[in-house]
């Protein structure tokens, strides 16, 4: 009788431990709204739905407020902000995935290991998508390392000399002219380097072969982020080990109508992706690298929150750095307050409370079930 009772207790304890073990993510998709702070989310919801808190990402249950400060400044830029998110280490403004021992533009700091590099090291597929220059701060922080964010050519070339795995698999975004000119300035021919490494850089998404698992497309003009995401997910999902994907959308509201419209479109894309992927094995994480000085100052449901935006844009005499609309004010600069972090899927339960932006890296690592003694790798 005693043995039976002991066995029952053992089984009960084992079942409890098994049930308490968190689900692991096979895939992680990081959605980054550049400058998409809480005031901008609020404005986007009102413009799109006529009421606050109606965006799809505002319906997720796992939420936290993420600090955005850099290592030596209360207000971050995208370089330091994204570096913290993808490496777990705060650094100086203007620096791409190097430690705070850097001297911007003069001396390299310690190269930091990014979540994308961890994924490459473990054989997962990886992707980086953006509707801004694909070698600019936010996307470049995933795959590159530089003491100055302006080194677009140098950063993009790191795709062809990865420190881990075979390098980022899917890269889609604009910025072709600027990146190629930057590389030329350091006497590098991007097309020649790509050819040497057996890769082709397409100038149009329509030219990307359907049957390839890896693809690079750098466009001379704007990109259709929705089309890019569909192509990327199809390719990355073929890997049985899983994938890491970062999708950035610019939510800066220097032009309030344009910035808010991009954020609304991004929210719709996130909803489409959430309805497509398997949320039992995919962590969706939404956040911003920093906030922006936009404020809703007045208004009601009978008029558009963007009233006067078209007239402001056409008025040559208007102050384009300090926007004054009847219901909106935009000072045109980054701000230092916390931003929303919210998630769905395995690992989302870790998104809670007041957290530093470096915690988002730890959450993605934990969702995969990975540990790392350090985010830095010696040269």
Foldseek 3Di string as FASTA:
>chain_A
DVVVVVVVVVVVVVVVVVVPDFAFFLEEEEEAAAQCFPQLQQQLCCQVPVHGQPFPLSPFDQKEWAFQQAPPGLFEHLQQLLLLQFQLAGAHHQWAQFHNVADAPPGGHFHFAGPQQVCQQVPAAEEEAEQDACQARNNLSRQAGDSGRLLSQRSVLSQCVGPHHRGHFYYDYEDVVSNQVSVVVVPDHSQVSQVVSVAHEAQDPVPDDQPDLGHHYYHPHGDDLLVSVVSNCSSSVVDPSYYYYYYYYYQQPLLPVVNSVRVSVSSVSVVVVVVPDDQQRYKYKYKYSFHFAKHFADDHSVDRLCPPSVVQVPDPPHDSQWDDDPGMTGNNDTDGGIGMMAMGHGLSNVRDYYYYSSVSNVSNCVSNPHDDPRRGDGD
